[in-house]
Amino acid sequence: MTEAIGWVSSVILVLTIGKQVYKQWQEDSSEGVSKWLFVGQITASLGFTIYSWLVRNWVFVVTNSLMLLNGVLGLLIVLHHRRRARLRNG
């Protein structure tokens, strides 16, 4: 039962954050989203992934690895939108 709670919570967290990143991409806008949010998330997720691996907690290894991927994708989308806006504004 303990593992099930961990895995269900992991799925909910990853889907929630993934949906937000997808929404940024779908709406073609990152207005109001700080790149530092994703920089912090990437740094924390990388640290938590390493820690989780060292203590052999596989729920958190998977969760934090997926959160790391979400953070990288979110940051790339923000940077893409900012670069495109700069090009449009000359």
Protein backbone atom coordinates (compact mmCIF):
# COMPACT_ATOMS: atom_id res chain seq x y z
CA MET A 1 0.00 0.00 0.00
CA THR A 2 2.87 2.39 0.80
CA GLU A 3 4.39 1.95 -2.67
CA ALA A 4 0.98 2.45 -4.32
CA ILE A 5 0.52 5.79 -2.53
CA GLY A 6 3.96 6.88 -3.71
CA TRP A 7 3.38 5.86 -7.34
CA VAL A 8 -0.11 7.42 -7.51
CA SER A 9 1.23 10.66 -6.03
CA SER A 10 4.10 10.59 -8.53
CA VAL A 11 1.74 10.22 -11.48
CA ILE A 12 -0.44 13.10 -10.25
CA LEU A 13 2.55 15.42 -9.77
CA VAL A 14 4.15 14.62 -13.13
CA LEU A 15 0.85 14.95 -15.01
CA THR A 16 0.04 18.25 -13.31
CA ILE A 17 3.38 19.85 -14.16
CA GLY A 18 3.44 18.22 -17.59
CA LYS A 19 0.02 19.69 -18.36
CA GLN A 20 1.29 23.18 -17.49
CA VAL A 21 4.32 22.83 -19.76
CA TYR A 22 2.10 21.47 -22.54
CA LYS A 23 -0.28 24.43 -22.06
CA GLN A 24 2.64 26.86 -22.54
CA TRP A 25 3.51 25.13 -25.79
CA GLN A 26 -0.10 24.83 -26.98
CA GLU A 27 -0.94 28.48 -26.26
CA ASP A 28 2.36 29.54 -27.84
CA SER A 29 3.06 31.85 -24.91
CA SER A 30 5.20 31.90 -21.80
CA GLU A 31 4.07 35.34 -20.73
CA GLY A 32 4.50 35.81 -17.01
CA VAL A 33 6.58 32.65 -16.61
CA SER A 34 10.05 33.17 -15.18
CA LYS A 35 12.90 31.16 -16.66
CA TRP A 36 14.30 31.03 -13.12
CA LEU A 37 11.35 28.89 -12.07
CA PHE A 38 12.59 26.20 -14.43
CA VAL A 39 16.27 26.74 -13.61
CA GLY A 40 15.43 26.16 -9.93
CA GLN A 41 13.25 23.17 -10.74
CA ILE A 42 15.97 21.61 -12.91
CA THR A 43 18.60 22.10 -10.21
CA ALA A 44 16.39 20.72 -7.44
CA SER A 45 15.14 17.80 -9.54
CA LEU A 46 18.68 16.84 -10.51
CA GLY A 47 19.76 16.91 -6.86
CA PHE A 48 16.71 14.94 -5.75
CA THR A 49 17.21 12.39 -8.53
CA ILE A 50 20.79 11.77 -7.46
CA TYR A 51 19.80 11.59 -3.79
CA SER A 52 16.90 9.24 -4.52
CA TRP A 53 19.18 6.97 -6.52
CA LEU A 54 21.77 6.93 -3.73
CA VAL A 55 19.14 5.89 -1.16
CA ARG A 56 17.55 3.52 -3.71
CA ASN A 57 14.08 5.03 -3.57
CA TRP A 58 12.78 4.13 -7.02
CA VAL A 59 9.49 6.05 -6.75
CA PHE A 60 11.46 9.24 -6.27
CA VAL A 61 14.11 8.35 -8.86
CA VAL A 62 11.39 8.05 -11.50
CA THR A 63 9.40 11.05 -10.25
CA ASN A 64 12.37 13.39 -10.03
CA SER A 65 13.77 12.22 -13.37
CA LEU A 66 10.45 13.02 -15.02
CA MET A 67 10.29 16.36 -13.19
CA LEU A 68 13.81 17.09 -14.46
CA LEU A 69 12.63 16.38 -18.01
CA ASN A 70 9.57 18.62 -17.46
CA GLY A 71 11.83 21.40 -16.19
CA VAL A 72 14.13 21.18 -19.20
CA LEU A 73 11.19 21.21 -21.62
CA GLY A 74 9.58 24.14 -19.80
CA LEU A 75 12.80 26.14 -19.89
CA LEU A 76 13.32 25.41 -23.60
CA ILE A 77 9.78 26.58 -24.36
CA VAL A 78 10.26 29.81 -22.37
CA LEU A 79 13.57 30.52 -24.12
CA HIS A 80 12.01 29.77 -27.51
CA HIS A 81 9.14 32.18 -26.88
CA ARG A 82 11.47 34.91 -25.62
CA ARG A 83 13.83 34.55 -28.60
CA ARG A 84 10.93 34.68 -31.05
CA ALA A 85 9.54 37.81 -29.34
CA ARG A 86 12.95 39.53 -29.57
CA LEU A 87 13.19 38.71 -33.27
CA ARG A 88 9.70 40.12 -33.92
CA ASN A 89 10.43 43.31 -32.03
CA GLY A 90 13.71 43.78 -33.88
